[in-house]
Amino acid sequence: MISKLIEEGRQIGQDFFLKLNDKSCLKTVAIQKIEHEYKVYCRIMYEEDYDTGEVISREIKVFDNVESALEYITYKLCCKVEDFKPRKGLKYFNANLPPTG
């Protein structure tokens, strides 16, 4: 199911909370296939800064194949892709943004 959604170009991801510097943070991780590339998005922000939009970190990485993108999500970003879902309403990220770093 997840692979089908990705290959259809659907943006899927997950928001979850974690502790950083003894503060509650929101981490967002998502993936989307655009043409022949796979964009992976990760944003971390303090929960108290959610309304202002101030982020601790934001990255967008581009991969040539889905396997590399999923490996990055699993091992580098420590997320379970099988828990990813499409978001109703707003997207997880603007897929037109250029890669970072």
C-alpha atoms as a PDB file:
ATOM      1  CA  MET A   1       0.000   0.000   0.000  1.00  0.00           C
ATOM      2  CA  ILE A   2       2.759   2.486   0.959  1.00  0.00           C
ATOM      3  CA  SER A   3       4.786   1.723  -2.179  1.00  0.00           C
ATOM      4  CA  LYS A   4       1.694   2.214  -4.331  1.00  0.00           C
ATOM      5  CA  LEU A   5       0.970   5.621  -2.780  1.00  0.00           C
ATOM      6  CA  ILE A   6       4.583   6.726  -3.291  1.00  0.00           C
ATOM      7  CA  GLU A   7       4.713   5.556  -6.903  1.00  0.00           C
ATOM      8  CA  GLU A   8       1.422   7.357  -7.607  1.00  0.00           C
ATOM      9  CA  GLY A   9       3.125  10.586  -6.515  1.00  0.00           C
ATOM     10  CA  ARG A  10       1.061  10.971  -3.362  1.00  0.00           C
ATOM     11  CA  GLN A  11       2.713  12.850  -0.527  1.00  0.00           C
ATOM     12  CA  ILE A  12       2.727  10.705   2.591  1.00  0.00           C
ATOM     13  CA  GLY A  13       4.292  11.269   5.983  1.00  0.00           C
ATOM     14  CA  GLN A  14       3.898  11.468   9.711  1.00  0.00           C
ATOM     15  CA  ASP A  15       3.981  14.044  12.496  1.00  0.00           C
ATOM     16  CA  PHE A  16       5.109  12.950  15.929  1.00  0.00           C
ATOM     17  CA  PHE A  17       6.369  14.407  19.191  1.00  0.00           C
ATOM     18  CA  LEU A  18       9.770  13.967  20.809  1.00  0.00           C
ATOM     19  CA  LYS A  19      11.828  15.586  23.561  1.00  0.00           C
ATOM     20  CA  LEU A  20      14.805  17.790  22.706  1.00  0.00           C
ATOM     21  CA  ASN A  21      16.630  19.872  25.327  1.00  0.00           C
ATOM     22  CA  ASP A  22      13.833  18.961  27.767  1.00  0.00           C
ATOM     23  CA  LYS A  23      11.268  20.595  25.484  1.00  0.00           C
ATOM     24  CA  SER A  24       8.491  19.009  23.487  1.00  0.00           C
ATOM     25  CA  CYS A  25       9.160  19.061  19.733  1.00  0.00           C
ATOM     26  CA  LEU A  26       7.139  18.261  16.660  1.00  0.00           C
ATOM     27  CA  LYS A  27       8.961  16.237  14.000  1.00  0.00           C
ATOM     28  CA  THR A  28       7.481  15.949  10.524  1.00  0.00           C
ATOM     29  CA  VAL A  29       8.842  13.461   7.987  1.00  0.00           C
ATOM     30  CA  ALA A  30       7.356  12.930   4.528  1.00  0.00           C
ATOM     31  CA  ILE A  31       8.140  11.584   1.064  1.00  0.00           C
ATOM     32  CA  GLN A  32       6.840  12.326  -2.421  1.00  0.00           C
ATOM     33  CA  LYS A  33       7.777  11.096  -5.876  1.00  0.00           C
ATOM     34  CA  ILE A  34       8.095  13.916  -8.392  1.00  0.00           C
ATOM     35  CA  GLU A  35       8.772  12.802 -11.949  1.00  0.00           C
ATOM     36  CA  HIS A  36      11.721  10.383 -11.540  1.00  0.00           C
ATOM     37  CA  GLU A  37      12.967  11.585  -8.155  1.00  0.00           C
ATOM     38  CA  TYR A  38      11.944  11.006  -4.566  1.00  0.00           C
ATOM     39  CA  LYS A  39      11.915  13.979  -2.193  1.00  0.00           C
ATOM     40  CA  VAL A  40      12.247  13.348   1.534  1.00  0.00           C
ATOM     41  CA  TYR A  41      11.327  16.153   3.914  1.00  0.00           C
ATOM     42  CA  CYS A  42      12.162  16.480   7.614  1.00  0.00           C
ATOM     43  CA  ARG A  43      11.284  19.389   9.897  1.00  0.00           C
ATOM     44  CA  ILE A  44      11.778  19.701  13.645  1.00  0.00           C
ATOM     45  CA  MET A  45      10.308  22.539  15.682  1.00  0.00           C
ATOM     46  CA  TYR A  46       9.620  23.210  19.330  1.00  0.00           C
ATOM     47  CA  GLU A  47       5.955  22.691  20.058  1.00  0.00           C
ATOM     48  CA  GLU A  48       5.807  26.154  21.654  1.00  0.00           C
ATOM     49  CA  ASP A  49       6.942  27.681  18.329  1.00  0.00           C
ATOM     50  CA  TYR A  50       4.294  25.947  16.226  1.00  0.00           C
ATOM     51  CA  ASP A  51       2.164  29.085  15.810  1.00  0.00           C
ATOM     52  CA  THR A  52       5.141  31.218  14.728  1.00  0.00           C
ATOM     53  CA  GLY A  53       6.504  28.602  12.322  1.00  0.00           C
ATOM     54  CA  GLU A  54      10.049  28.916  13.714  1.00  0.00           C
ATOM     55  CA  VAL A  55      11.951  25.685  13.068  1.00  0.00           C
ATOM     56  CA  ILE A  56      14.999  24.067  14.655  1.00  0.00           C
ATOM     57  CA  SER A  57      15.887  22.292  11.431  1.00  0.00           C
ATOM     58  CA  ARG A  58      14.436  21.647   8.000  1.00  0.00           C
ATOM     59  CA  GLU A  59      15.879  19.506   5.245  1.00  0.00           C
ATOM     60  CA  ILE A  60      14.825  18.266   1.857  1.00  0.00           C
ATOM     61  CA  LYS A  61      16.834  15.496   0.255  1.00  0.00           C
ATOM     62  CA  VAL A  62      16.406  14.078  -3.242  1.00  0.00           C
ATOM     63  CA  PHE A  63      16.994  10.426  -4.137  1.00  0.00           C
ATOM     64  CA  ASP A  64      17.169   8.672  -7.502  1.00  0.00           C
ATOM     65  CA  ASN A  65      15.355   5.569  -6.276  1.00  0.00           C
ATOM     66  CA  VAL A  66      12.719   4.730  -3.720  1.00  0.00           C
ATOM     67  CA  GLU A  67      14.893   2.172  -1.940  1.00  0.00           C
ATOM     68  CA  SER A  68      17.523   4.778  -1.027  1.00  0.00           C
ATOM     69  CA  ALA A  69      14.848   7.241   0.082  1.00  0.00           C
ATOM     70  CA  LEU A  70      13.151   4.673   2.316  1.00  0.00           C
ATOM     71  CA  GLU A  71      16.479   3.556   3.771  1.00  0.00           C
ATOM     72  CA  TYR A  72      17.278   7.179   4.637  1.00  0.00           C
ATOM     73  CA  ILE A  73      13.890   7.622   6.318  1.00  0.00           C
ATOM     74  CA  THR A  74      14.248   4.391   8.275  1.00  0.00           C
ATOM     75  CA  TYR A  75      17.859   4.565   9.415  1.00  0.00           C
ATOM     76  CA  LYS A  76      18.814   8.256   9.373  1.00  0.00           C
ATOM     77  CA  LEU A  77      15.488   9.816  10.383  1.00  0.00           C
ATOM     78  CA  CYS A  78      14.412   6.842  12.561  1.00  0.00           C
ATOM     79  CA  CYS A  79      10.864   6.588  11.196  1.00  0.00           C
ATOM     80  CA  LYS A  80       8.634   3.679  10.251  1.00  0.00           C
ATOM     81  CA  VAL A  81       7.510   4.322   6.693  1.00  0.00           C
ATOM     82  CA  GLU A  82       4.715   1.795   7.096  1.00  0.00           C
ATOM     83  CA  ASP A  83       3.100   4.279   9.515  1.00  0.00           C
ATOM     84  CA  PHE A  84       3.095   7.093   6.914  1.00  0.00           C
ATOM     85  CA  LYS A  85      -0.249   8.346   5.644  1.00  0.00           C
ATOM     86  CA  PRO A  86      -1.515  10.986   3.238  1.00  0.00           C
ATOM     87  CA  ARG A  87      -2.582  14.148   5.040  1.00  0.00           C
ATOM     88  CA  LYS A  88      -6.067  15.494   4.549  1.00  0.00           C
ATOM     89  CA  GLY A  89      -6.060  19.165   3.637  1.00  0.00           C
ATOM     90  CA  LEU A  90      -2.615  20.723   3.852  1.00  0.00           C
ATOM     91  CA  LYS A  91       0.436  18.944   2.477  1.00  0.00           C
ATOM     92  CA  TYR A  92       3.357  17.984   4.707  1.00  0.00           C
ATOM     93  CA  PHE A  93       5.682  20.169   2.607  1.00  0.00           C
ATOM     94  CA  ASN A  94       5.902  22.214  -0.547  1.00  0.00           C
ATOM     95  CA  ALA A  95       7.322  19.754  -3.091  1.00  0.00           C
ATOM     96  CA  ASN A  96       8.570  22.654  -5.254  1.00  0.00           C
ATOM     97  CA  LEU A  97      11.149  23.656  -2.639  1.00  0.00           C
ATOM     98  CA  PRO A  98      14.747  22.924  -3.677  1.00  0.00           C
ATOM     99  CA  PRO A  99      16.882  20.373  -1.818  1.00  0.00           C
ATOM    100  CA  THR A 100      18.854  21.625   1.176  1.00  0.00           C
ATOM    101  CA  GLY A 101      22.499  20.970   2.004  1.00  0.00           C
END
